[in-house]
Amino acid sequence: MLICRVTGTVVATRKEPTLDGLKLLLVRPCDVKGDVTGAALVAADAVGAGLDEVVLIAQGSSARQTEATQNRPVDAVVMAIVDLLDADGAVSFRKS
């Protein structure tokens, strides 16, 4: 799993039919404070995440194991919205 921040949405009017109905989000890896650290990737949204939220994503074959992505050709899925990150005994991120 990766900690990421949602930085945008992806709209694709022509796509593989099994992707119909999936919301696609642009996410970027971030550190435990929620600050973006890496390059963007596209993830299917299984939990209703929104812009600027910190989320957990799964990649690879694990991305196809959620109810929303079962048997669909996805390589990354948003599977949780982070409320709090506690690192080294201190809260480093809290959803506002």
Protein backbone atom coordinates (compact mmCIF):
# COMPACT_ATOMS: atom_id res chain seq x y z
CA MET A 1 0.00 0.00 0.00
CA LEU A 2 1.00 3.58 -0.61
CA ILE A 3 -0.04 6.80 1.12
CA CYS A 4 -1.13 9.26 -1.58
CA ARG A 5 -2.86 12.60 -1.98
CA VAL A 6 -5.67 13.03 -4.51
CA THR A 7 -4.60 15.82 -6.87
CA GLY A 8 -7.20 15.55 -9.62
CA THR A 9 -9.62 13.48 -11.64
CA VAL A 10 -9.27 11.70 -14.95
CA VAL A 11 -12.08 11.72 -17.51
CA ALA A 12 -11.93 9.19 -20.35
CA THR A 13 -15.00 9.10 -22.58
CA ARG A 14 -13.62 6.19 -24.63
CA LYS A 15 -12.35 3.29 -22.58
CA GLU A 16 -12.53 -0.44 -22.02
CA PRO A 17 -16.21 -1.22 -21.31
CA THR A 18 -15.39 -2.95 -18.02
CA LEU A 19 -14.15 0.42 -16.72
CA ASP A 20 -17.57 2.03 -17.19
CA GLY A 21 -18.88 3.41 -13.92
CA LEU A 22 -15.46 3.66 -12.23
CA LYS A 23 -14.30 7.07 -11.04
CA LEU A 24 -10.65 7.59 -11.92
CA LEU A 25 -8.47 9.78 -9.71
CA LEU A 26 -5.06 11.32 -10.19
CA VAL A 27 -3.01 10.59 -7.05
CA ARG A 28 0.55 11.34 -6.00
CA PRO A 29 2.55 9.52 -3.31
CA CYS A 30 3.10 11.57 -0.16
CA ASP A 31 4.98 11.42 3.11
CA VAL A 32 3.43 10.85 6.54
CA LYS A 33 2.69 14.58 6.83
CA GLY A 34 0.59 14.44 3.65
CA ASP A 35 3.13 16.37 1.56
CA VAL A 36 3.41 15.16 -2.04
CA THR A 37 6.72 13.41 -2.81
CA GLY A 38 6.31 11.45 -6.04
CA ALA A 39 5.02 11.28 -9.59
CA ALA A 40 1.31 11.09 -10.40
CA LEU A 41 -0.56 7.89 -11.19
CA VAL A 42 -4.17 7.03 -11.97
CA ALA A 43 -6.17 4.98 -9.49
CA ALA A 44 -9.74 3.70 -9.60
CA ASP A 45 -11.78 5.01 -6.67
CA ALA A 46 -13.48 2.31 -4.57
CA VAL A 47 -14.39 4.50 -1.57
CA GLY A 48 -15.63 7.89 -2.78
CA ALA A 49 -12.46 9.91 -2.18
CA GLY A 50 -12.32 13.57 -3.08
CA LEU A 51 -9.84 16.17 -4.21
CA ASP A 52 -6.97 16.88 -1.79
CA GLU A 53 -7.75 13.91 0.48
CA VAL A 54 -4.98 11.64 1.75
CA VAL A 55 -5.73 8.04 0.77
CA LEU A 56 -4.29 4.54 0.78
CA ILE A 57 -3.88 2.82 -2.55
CA ALA A 58 -3.15 -0.77 -3.49
CA GLN A 59 -1.38 -1.65 -6.71
CA GLY A 60 -0.93 -4.67 -8.94
CA SER A 61 -3.11 -7.75 -8.50
CA SER A 62 -4.30 -6.45 -5.10
CA ALA A 63 -5.97 -3.55 -6.91
CA ARG A 64 -8.42 -5.99 -8.49
CA GLN A 65 -9.61 -7.42 -5.18
CA THR A 66 -12.06 -4.71 -4.08
CA GLU A 67 -15.77 -4.99 -4.69
CA ALA A 68 -15.61 -2.08 -7.15
CA THR A 69 -12.64 -3.39 -9.15
CA GLN A 70 -13.17 -7.16 -9.14
CA ASN A 71 -12.18 -8.57 -12.55
CA ARG A 72 -11.52 -5.11 -14.01
CA PRO A 73 -8.26 -4.07 -15.72
CA VAL A 74 -6.94 -1.71 -13.03
CA ASP A 75 -3.43 -1.45 -11.64
CA ALA A 76 -4.14 0.92 -8.74
CA VAL A 77 -7.18 1.46 -6.50
CA VAL A 78 -8.02 3.92 -3.76
CA MET A 79 -9.16 1.63 -0.97
CA ALA A 80 -9.22 3.90 2.09
CA ILE A 81 -9.43 7.57 3.07
CA VAL A 82 -6.93 8.43 5.80
CA ASP A 83 -8.29 10.16 8.91
CA LEU A 84 -5.11 10.13 10.97
CA LEU A 85 -1.46 9.20 10.64
CA ASP A 86 0.49 8.54 13.83
CA ALA A 87 4.22 8.21 13.14
CA ASP A 88 6.82 7.61 15.85
CA GLY A 89 4.31 8.28 18.61
CA ALA A 90 3.15 11.64 17.27
CA VAL A 91 0.24 12.59 15.04
CA SER A 92 1.81 13.67 11.75
CA PHE A 93 -1.44 14.07 9.77
CA ARG A 94 -5.05 14.59 10.78
CA LYS A 95 -7.91 15.03 8.32
CA SER A 96 -9.43 18.46 8.84
